Amino acid sequence: MRAIEGGVTAAQGFEAAGIEAAVKYENRRDMAIVYSRVPCKAAGVFTSNVVKAAPVLWDKEVVKHSPYVRAAVINTGIANAATGKQGYAYCKQTAEKAAELLGISADAVLVASTGVIGNQLPIERILAGVERLAAEKTDTVEAASAAAEAIMTTDTVSKQAAVQFEIGSKTVTLGGMCKGSGMIHPNMCTMLGFITTDIAISKELLQEALREDVVDTFNMISVDGDTSTNDTLMVLANGLAGNAEITTKNEDYEKFRQALNFVNTTLAKKIAGDGEGATALFEAKVIHAATKQDARTLSRSVISSNLCKAAIFGHDANFGRFLCALGYAGVDFDPEKIELYFENEEKSLLIYKDGAAVDYSEEEATQILSSPEVRVLVDMHMGDAEAAAWGCDLSYDYVKINADYRS
């Protein structure tokens, strides 16, 4: 497996575009399309929030009942959530417009929205945007980048990843894009994500692979503890790589799972590191836990703690905050037996062991916590399981961004 340049157009047969449609904002791209020249198997996971946006309801039906998918139309600025029957009707109109222009069925079109909750879409602008997207889509790297830019809201950078790997004599490509910066919390986070691949795989195994992988990737990030109404992660597989279709959990399936995990992990970390107002990517890694679920629970508790996040922002080696977050996670352990380290890419510093602080350098700890990527490593000394979770620091700008979000 090797990382390559690109996003949703990296795999064979996929096209994309991103345009300015003035859905809510001026002078920025705010609509995107992802399109496959041939039918795709589709898999999806969606928000766990009871309040689900109209496009989530539409897409769940498409994934469950449609024989194939060919396109996804995305807008930013307005979430089309808490919009009732009218909001769902706008999803249908959008899909029908795309279907008409692309010569496909409306139930082969996914729709996705992100932005302010409660506002109705300016449907005439949306439909005009669909016309431009259908006309401008191409299979270039630039088109993928434009689409990734168009799905941003408070994101400061676009987020893409792609890999290639071999199945027999065939080269398989998997690429993706996502957006997410605020209202990010596990099960499943707050984001829109689209993964495209030219692998041939059954719909059932595609769905299973996605559902299982989300647990250790997108469900292990948190920015602010809020789970959105619009979370959507889709995988489209069009089979153009020409490999023998994967219908059992064989070696080829495992290669696909590894590639999917790489792309999902890369994109998840990009979301965490670009949290609203963030200055650092904050990772918590728990090793030697009794069970995998314990490791997940403990690591997520640390990166979800506002006090831990504030300590990272202040470069403050206040290790008690991290112990506290571990202690209320709901996992039983002996605090006299764990070890806690602060780490960056260059060094690892032991902070706590045998129930007390060790004789560490505050200056060195502050230097580590001042890095753009910071890790808190916890050794539980209880078993062989491990997990990592990703978040960001909590800065003054987070409040500013969210206080002014609708203005």
Protein backbone atom coordinates (compact mmCIF):
# COMPACT_ATOMS: atom_id res chain seq x y z
CA MET A 1 0.00 0.00 0.00
CA ARG A 2 1.30 3.45 -0.90
CA ALA A 3 -0.08 6.92 -0.33
CA ILE A 4 -0.66 8.93 -3.50
CA GLU A 5 -1.78 12.43 -4.39
CA GLY A 6 -5.48 13.00 -4.81
CA GLY A 7 -8.90 12.54 -3.32
CA VAL A 8 -12.25 11.46 -4.73
CA THR A 9 -11.04 11.41 -8.36
CA ALA A 10 -7.98 9.23 -7.68
CA ALA A 11 -9.80 5.98 -8.43
CA GLN A 12 -10.72 5.07 -12.01
CA GLY A 13 -14.05 6.34 -13.32
CA PHE A 14 -14.73 9.06 -10.74
CA GLU A 15 -15.25 12.75 -11.50
CA ALA A 16 -15.86 15.77 -9.28
CA ALA A 17 -16.41 19.53 -9.25
CA GLY A 18 -16.72 22.35 -6.74
CA ILE A 19 -18.38 25.69 -7.47
CA GLU A 20 -19.68 28.93 -5.97
CA ALA A 21 -23.48 28.75 -5.80
CA ALA A 22 -24.15 31.45 -3.16
CA VAL A 23 -26.16 29.04 -1.01
CA LYS A 24 -25.36 31.19 2.03
CA TYR A 25 -21.96 32.78 1.55
CA GLU A 26 -20.47 34.93 -1.19
CA ASN A 27 -17.12 34.46 -2.93
CA ARG A 28 -16.46 30.89 -1.81
CA ARG A 29 -17.11 27.44 -3.20
CA ASP A 30 -20.16 25.92 -1.53
CA MET A 31 -21.45 23.11 -3.73
CA ALA A 32 -19.74 19.93 -4.90
CA ILE A 33 -20.46 16.80 -6.87
CA VAL A 34 -18.89 13.35 -6.88
CA TYR A 35 -19.83 11.22 -9.91
CA SER A 36 -19.02 7.74 -11.19
CA ARG A 37 -19.16 6.90 -14.89
CA VAL A 38 -20.51 3.46 -14.00
CA PRO A 39 -22.81 2.19 -11.23
CA CYS A 40 -21.33 1.84 -7.73
CA LYS A 41 -21.95 -0.35 -4.76
CA ALA A 42 -22.65 2.03 -1.87
CA ALA A 43 -22.18 1.78 1.89
CA GLY A 44 -22.85 4.40 4.51
CA VAL A 45 -22.83 5.26 8.20
CA PHE A 46 -24.77 8.17 9.63
CA THR A 47 -25.28 10.32 12.70
CA SER A 48 -26.44 8.71 15.93
CA ASN A 49 -28.29 11.92 16.81
CA VAL A 50 -32.05 11.30 17.11
CA VAL A 51 -32.57 14.59 15.24
CA LYS A 52 -31.51 13.66 11.71
CA ALA A 53 -31.27 16.10 8.81
CA ALA A 54 -33.37 15.57 5.69
CA PRO A 55 -30.37 14.50 3.55
CA VAL A 56 -29.44 11.86 6.12
CA LEU A 57 -32.94 10.40 5.84
CA TRP A 58 -32.72 10.50 2.04
CA ASP A 59 -29.29 8.86 1.90
CA LYS A 60 -30.21 6.10 4.34
CA GLU A 61 -33.05 5.12 2.01
CA VAL A 62 -30.78 5.22 -1.04
CA VAL A 63 -28.11 3.06 0.59
CA LYS A 64 -30.66 0.55 1.88
CA HIS A 65 -32.95 0.21 -1.13
CA SER A 66 -31.25 1.44 -4.34
CA PRO A 67 -29.46 -1.16 -6.46
CA TYR A 68 -26.60 1.26 -7.17
CA VAL A 69 -25.37 4.85 -6.75
CA ARG A 70 -23.85 7.12 -9.40
CA ALA A 71 -23.56 10.59 -7.82
CA ALA A 72 -23.51 12.66 -4.65
CA VAL A 73 -24.44 16.36 -4.54
CA ILE A 74 -23.24 18.34 -1.51
CA ASN A 75 -23.92 21.88 -0.30
CA THR A 76 -22.51 23.89 2.59
CA GLY A 77 -23.86 26.87 4.49
CA ILE A 78 -27.30 25.43 5.23
CA ALA A 79 -27.73 22.03 6.87
CA ASN A 80 -31.30 21.29 5.73
CA ALA A 81 -31.94 20.00 9.25
CA ALA A 82 -35.10 20.67 11.30
CA THR A 83 -36.78 21.61 8.01
CA GLY A 84 -39.67 19.14 8.00
CA LYS A 85 -41.38 17.78 4.89
CA GLN A 86 -40.21 20.75 2.82
CA GLY A 87 -36.58 19.94 3.54
CA TYR A 88 -37.04 16.32 2.44
CA ALA A 89 -38.85 17.50 -0.70
CA TYR A 90 -35.82 19.66 -1.52
CA CYS A 91 -33.59 16.58 -1.28
CA LYS A 92 -35.85 14.86 -3.79
CA GLN A 93 -35.80 17.88 -6.12
CA THR A 94 -32.03 18.06 -5.95
CA ALA A 95 -31.65 14.36 -6.74
CA GLU A 96 -34.17 14.58 -9.59
CA LYS A 97 -32.36 17.55 -11.12
CA ALA A 98 -29.02 15.75 -10.98
CA ALA A 99 -30.60 12.61 -12.39
CA GLU A 100 -32.09 14.53 -15.31
CA LEU A 101 -28.78 16.18 -16.19
CA LEU A 102 -26.67 13.04 -15.73
CA GLY A 103 -29.06 10.61 -17.40
CA ILE A 104 -29.46 8.41 -14.34
CA SER A 105 -32.14 7.51 -11.81
CA ALA A 106 -32.96 9.86 -8.92
CA ASP A 107 -32.55 6.99 -6.46
CA ALA A 108 -28.93 6.71 -7.63
CA VAL A 109 -28.16 10.23 -6.32
CA LEU A 110 -27.03 10.94 -2.78
CA VAL A 111 -27.45 14.42 -1.30
CA ALA A 112 -25.63 15.94 1.65
CA SER A 113 -25.76 19.28 3.43
CA THR A 114 -23.85 20.99 6.23
CA GLY A 115 -24.18 24.38 7.89
CA VAL A 116 -26.80 26.23 9.90
CA ILE A 117 -29.66 24.14 11.31
CA GLY A 118 -33.26 25.30 10.84
CA ASN A 119 -33.02 27.24 7.57
CA GLN A 120 -34.64 26.07 4.36
CA LEU A 121 -32.39 25.65 1.33
CA PRO A 122 -32.58 28.31 -1.38
CA ILE A 123 -33.69 25.62 -3.79
CA GLU A 124 -33.40 27.69 -6.96
CA ARG A 125 -29.73 28.36 -6.20
CA ILE A 126 -29.22 24.69 -5.39
CA LEU A 127 -30.77 23.57 -8.68
CA ALA A 128 -28.75 26.13 -10.63
CA GLY A 129 -25.66 24.84 -8.86
CA VAL A 130 -26.45 21.28 -9.86
CA GLU A 131 -26.54 22.38 -13.51
CA ARG A 132 -23.06 23.90 -13.25
CA LEU A 133 -21.68 20.93 -11.35
CA ALA A 134 -22.95 18.48 -13.96
CA ALA A 135 -21.35 20.54 -16.71
CA GLU A 136 -18.00 21.15 -15.00
CA LYS A 137 -17.17 17.77 -13.42
CA THR A 138 -13.89 16.18 -14.50
CA ASP A 139 -11.54 13.45 -13.28
CA THR A 140 -8.56 15.71 -12.49
CA VAL A 141 -6.71 16.22 -9.22
CA GLU A 142 -7.76 19.87 -9.40
CA ALA A 143 -11.43 18.87 -9.59
CA ALA A 144 -11.07 16.72 -6.48
CA SER A 145 -9.42 19.61 -4.65
CA ALA A 146 -12.19 21.99 -5.70
CA ALA A 147 -14.80 19.57 -4.38
CA ALA A 148 -12.92 19.13 -1.09
CA GLU A 149 -12.76 22.91 -0.72
CA ALA A 150 -16.45 23.32 -1.54
CA ILE A 151 -17.62 21.11 1.34
CA MET A 152 -15.78 23.15 4.00
CA THR A 153 -17.65 25.25 6.57
CA THR A 154 -15.52 26.48 9.49
CA ASP A 155 -12.69 24.21 8.32
CA THR A 156 -9.46 26.10 7.74
CA VAL A 157 -8.03 23.53 5.32
CA SER A 158 -9.51 21.00 2.91
CA LYS A 159 -9.03 17.34 3.74
CA GLN A 160 -8.12 14.61 1.23
CA ALA A 161 -6.26 11.29 1.18
CA ALA A 162 -5.64 8.49 -1.32
CA VAL A 163 -3.80 5.17 -1.53
CA GLN A 164 -3.07 2.42 -4.04
CA PHE A 165 -2.51 -1.28 -3.47
CA GLU A 166 -2.34 -4.48 -5.49
CA ILE A 167 -4.83 -7.32 -5.72
CA GLY A 168 -3.35 -9.97 -7.93
CA SER A 169 -2.23 -8.21 -11.10
CA LYS A 170 -4.67 -5.33 -10.61
CA THR A 171 -3.94 -1.93 -9.09
CA VAL A 172 -6.72 -0.75 -6.80
CA THR A 173 -7.11 2.89 -5.78
CA LEU A 174 -9.01 4.33 -2.85
CA GLY A 175 -9.37 8.05 -2.21
CA GLY A 176 -11.54 10.35 -0.20
CA MET A 177 -12.41 13.76 1.15
CA CYS A 178 -14.15 14.98 4.26
CA LYS A 179 -15.10 18.10 6.13
CA GLY A 180 -15.33 18.68 9.84
CA SER A 181 -14.14 21.24 12.35
CA GLY A 182 -16.87 21.84 14.93
CA MET A 183 -19.67 19.74 16.45
CA ILE A 184 -17.26 16.81 16.38
CA HIS A 185 -17.86 13.96 18.82
CA PRO A 186 -17.85 10.16 18.55
CA ASN A 187 -20.69 7.90 17.41
CA MET A 188 -20.33 9.13 14.84
CA CYS A 189 -18.49 12.43 14.74
CA THR A 190 -19.70 15.54 12.94
CA MET A 191 -18.62 15.40 9.39
CA LEU A 192 -19.34 14.74 5.78
CA GLY A 193 -17.08 12.18 4.19
CA PHE A 194 -16.94 10.56 0.76
CA ILE A 195 -14.65 7.66 -0.09
CA THR A 196 -14.37 6.42 -3.67
CA THR A 197 -12.69 3.25 -4.88
CA ASP A 198 -12.46 1.24 -8.09
CA ILE A 199 -12.37 -2.08 -6.25
CA ALA A 200 -14.93 -4.79 -7.05
CA ILE A 201 -16.54 -5.89 -3.79
CA SER A 202 -19.96 -7.03 -2.66
CA LYS A 203 -22.29 -4.46 -1.13
CA GLU A 204 -22.55 -6.52 2.05
CA LEU A 205 -18.80 -6.68 2.65
CA LEU A 206 -18.38 -3.01 1.72
CA GLN A 207 -20.92 -2.05 4.38
CA GLU A 208 -19.39 -4.36 6.96
CA ALA A 209 -15.87 -3.07 6.36
CA LEU A 210 -17.02 0.54 6.70
CA ARG A 211 -19.11 -0.05 9.81
CA GLU A 212 -16.29 -1.87 11.58
CA ASP A 213 -13.58 0.60 10.58
CA VAL A 214 -15.48 3.68 11.75
CA VAL A 215 -15.26 2.38 15.33
CA ASP A 216 -11.49 2.96 15.46
CA THR A 217 -11.24 5.98 13.15
CA PHE A 218 -14.01 8.56 12.87
CA ASN A 219 -15.61 7.43 16.13
CA MET A 220 -12.34 8.11 17.95
CA ILE A 221 -12.24 11.87 17.38
CA SER A 222 -13.77 14.72 19.34
CA VAL A 223 -13.49 18.49 19.19
CA ASP A 224 -16.26 19.80 21.41
CA GLY A 225 -18.54 17.01 22.61
CA ASP A 226 -21.38 17.81 20.20
CA THR A 227 -22.74 15.28 17.71
CA SER A 228 -24.35 16.82 14.63
CA THR A 229 -27.63 16.15 12.87
CA ASN A 230 -25.93 15.68 9.49
CA ASP A 231 -23.07 13.22 9.94
CA THR A 232 -22.64 11.15 6.80
CA LEU A 233 -19.81 8.91 5.62
CA MET A 234 -20.25 7.17 2.27
CA VAL A 235 -18.10 4.70 0.35
CA LEU A 236 -18.70 4.18 -3.37
CA ALA A 237 -17.08 1.23 -5.17
CA ASN A 238 -17.42 1.03 -8.97
CA GLY A 239 -15.38 -2.12 -9.74
CA LEU A 240 -13.30 -0.58 -12.57
CA ALA A 241 -10.01 -1.90 -11.14
CA GLY A 242 -11.00 -5.23 -12.71
CA ASN A 243 -10.18 -7.46 -9.77
CA ALA A 244 -12.25 -10.56 -9.10
CA GLU A 245 -15.17 -9.35 -6.99
CA ILE A 246 -14.52 -9.78 -3.27
CA THR A 247 -17.38 -11.80 -1.81
CA THR A 248 -15.63 -13.49 1.13
CA LYS A 249 -13.31 -12.31 3.89
CA ASN A 250 -10.15 -13.44 2.16
CA GLU A 251 -6.69 -11.91 1.76
CA ASP A 252 -8.00 -9.39 -0.80
CA TYR A 253 -10.66 -8.24 1.66
CA GLU A 254 -8.00 -7.72 4.31
CA LYS A 255 -5.94 -5.58 1.92
CA PHE A 256 -9.01 -3.46 1.25
CA ARG A 257 -9.71 -3.09 4.98
CA GLN A 258 -6.14 -1.91 5.60
CA ALA A 259 -6.40 0.67 2.82
CA LEU A 260 -9.77 1.87 4.07
CA ASN A 261 -8.36 2.16 7.59
CA PHE A 262 -5.39 4.20 6.36
CA VAL A 263 -7.59 6.69 4.50
CA ASN A 264 -10.17 6.93 7.28
CA THR A 265 -7.49 7.38 9.96
CA THR A 266 -5.73 10.04 7.90
CA LEU A 267 -8.96 11.97 7.33
CA ALA A 268 -10.11 11.58 10.94
CA LYS A 269 -6.84 13.03 12.23
CA LYS A 270 -7.12 15.91 9.77
CA ILE A 271 -10.55 16.73 11.23
CA ALA A 272 -9.28 16.55 14.80
CA GLY A 273 -6.27 18.72 14.07
CA ASP A 274 -8.45 21.31 12.34
CA GLY A 275 -10.94 21.65 15.18
CA GLU A 276 -12.47 25.09 15.49
CA GLY A 277 -9.88 27.45 16.94
CA ALA A 278 -7.35 24.64 17.38
CA THR A 279 -3.61 25.17 17.57
CA ALA A 280 -2.62 21.51 18.10
CA LEU A 281 -3.64 17.96 17.29
CA PHE A 282 -4.13 16.18 20.62
CA GLU A 283 -3.82 12.38 20.68
CA ALA A 284 -4.46 10.09 23.61
CA LYS A 285 -3.09 6.58 23.24
CA VAL A 286 -3.83 3.85 25.77
CA ILE A 287 -1.71 0.70 25.70
CA HIS A 288 -1.75 -2.56 27.64
CA ALA A 289 -5.42 -2.20 28.58
CA ALA A 290 -7.50 -5.18 29.65
CA THR A 291 -9.79 -4.98 26.61
CA LYS A 292 -10.03 -3.08 23.33
CA GLN A 293 -13.22 -1.40 24.50
CA ASP A 294 -11.53 -0.25 27.72
CA ALA A 295 -8.71 1.28 25.68
CA ARG A 296 -11.20 3.08 23.43
CA THR A 297 -13.21 4.38 26.36
CA LEU A 298 -10.18 5.64 28.25
CA SER A 299 -8.54 7.36 25.29
CA ARG A 300 -11.78 9.05 24.23
CA SER A 301 -12.35 10.29 27.77
CA VAL A 302 -9.01 12.08 27.77
CA ILE A 303 -9.36 13.83 24.42
CA SER A 304 -12.98 14.80 25.19
CA SER A 305 -12.13 16.54 28.48
CA ASN A 306 -12.31 20.33 28.29
CA LEU A 307 -9.78 20.61 31.10
CA CYS A 308 -7.32 18.35 29.27
CA LYS A 309 -7.88 20.29 26.06
CA ALA A 310 -7.30 23.59 27.87
CA ALA A 311 -4.09 22.23 29.39
CA ILE A 312 -2.80 21.39 25.93
CA PHE A 313 -3.66 24.90 24.73
CA GLY A 314 -1.84 26.43 27.72
CA HIS A 315 1.13 24.02 27.35
CA ASP A 316 0.54 23.23 31.02
CA ALA A 317 1.90 19.92 32.34
CA ASN A 318 -1.03 19.58 34.76
CA PHE A 319 -1.07 15.78 34.64
CA GLY A 320 -3.82 15.57 37.24
CA ARG A 321 -6.35 16.57 34.61
CA PHE A 322 -5.45 13.58 32.47
CA LEU A 323 -5.60 11.21 35.45
CA CYS A 324 -8.99 12.64 36.34
CA ALA A 325 -10.33 12.03 32.81
CA LEU A 326 -9.10 8.45 32.96
CA GLY A 327 -10.66 7.97 36.38
CA TYR A 328 -14.20 8.99 35.45
CA ALA A 329 -14.23 7.13 32.12
CA GLY A 330 -16.07 4.19 33.66
CA VAL A 331 -13.19 1.69 33.42
CA ASP A 332 -11.86 0.05 36.57
CA PHE A 333 -8.08 0.22 37.03
CA ASP A 334 -5.44 0.67 39.72
CA PRO A 335 -3.99 4.22 39.55
CA GLU A 336 -0.92 2.95 41.43
CA LYS A 337 0.05 0.79 38.45
CA ILE A 338 -0.37 3.03 35.41
CA GLU A 339 2.25 5.19 33.72
CA LEU A 340 1.59 8.49 31.91
CA TYR A 341 3.84 10.12 29.33
CA PHE A 342 3.81 13.37 27.32
CA GLU A 343 5.11 12.87 23.78
CA ASN A 344 5.71 14.64 20.50
CA GLU A 345 7.37 13.44 17.31
CA GLU A 346 10.85 13.78 18.85
CA LYS A 347 10.65 12.66 22.46
CA SER A 348 8.71 10.89 25.19
CA LEU A 349 8.72 12.14 28.80
CA LEU A 350 7.52 10.03 31.75
CA ILE A 351 5.31 12.17 34.01
CA TYR A 352 3.54 9.81 36.41
CA LYS A 353 4.34 6.33 37.76
CA ASP A 354 3.57 4.20 40.84
CA GLY A 355 0.81 6.54 41.99
CA ALA A 356 2.84 9.76 42.00
CA ALA A 357 4.60 12.28 39.78
CA VAL A 358 8.16 11.43 38.80
CA ASP A 359 11.01 13.93 38.85
CA TYR A 360 10.46 15.37 35.38
CA SER A 361 11.52 18.69 33.86
CA GLU A 362 8.66 21.21 33.68
CA GLU A 363 10.57 23.02 30.95
CA GLU A 364 10.85 19.87 28.86
CA ALA A 365 7.18 19.02 29.45
CA THR A 366 6.14 22.51 28.34
CA GLN A 367 8.29 22.18 25.23
CA ILE A 368 6.56 18.92 24.30
CA LEU A 369 3.11 20.35 24.94
CA SER A 370 3.95 23.34 22.71
CA SER A 371 4.27 21.07 19.65
CA PRO A 372 1.70 21.13 16.82
CA GLU A 373 1.03 17.43 17.51
CA VAL A 374 0.92 16.28 21.14
CA ARG A 375 0.34 12.77 22.50
CA VAL A 376 -0.60 11.64 26.00
CA LEU A 377 0.45 8.00 26.30
CA VAL A 378 -1.03 5.90 29.10
CA ASP A 379 0.30 2.43 29.92
CA MET A 380 -2.36 0.56 31.92
CA HIS A 381 -0.25 -2.58 32.63
CA MET A 382 -3.39 -4.70 32.52
CA GLY A 383 -3.37 -6.59 29.20
CA ASP A 384 -2.53 -6.42 25.50
CA ALA A 385 -5.24 -4.12 24.09
CA GLU A 386 -4.64 -0.60 22.83
CA ALA A 387 -6.47 2.25 21.11
CA ALA A 388 -5.88 5.86 20.12
CA ALA A 389 -8.25 8.82 20.03
CA TRP A 390 -7.73 12.24 18.50
CA GLY A 391 -8.91 15.71 19.40
CA CYS A 392 -7.53 19.21 19.64
CA ASP A 393 -6.81 21.88 22.20
CA LEU A 394 -9.48 24.29 23.40
CA SER A 395 -8.62 27.89 22.53
CA TYR A 396 -10.28 31.27 22.95
CA ASP A 397 -11.14 31.23 19.26
CA TYR A 398 -13.50 28.25 19.66
CA VAL A 399 -15.95 30.42 21.58
CA LYS A 400 -15.55 33.31 19.13
CA ILE A 401 -16.24 31.10 16.11
CA ASN A 402 -19.37 29.54 17.58
CA ALA A 403 -20.71 32.73 19.12
CA ASP A 404 -20.69 34.33 15.66
CA TYR A 405 -21.60 31.24 13.59
CA ARG A 406 -24.90 32.53 12.17
CA SER A 407 -23.70 36.07 11.49
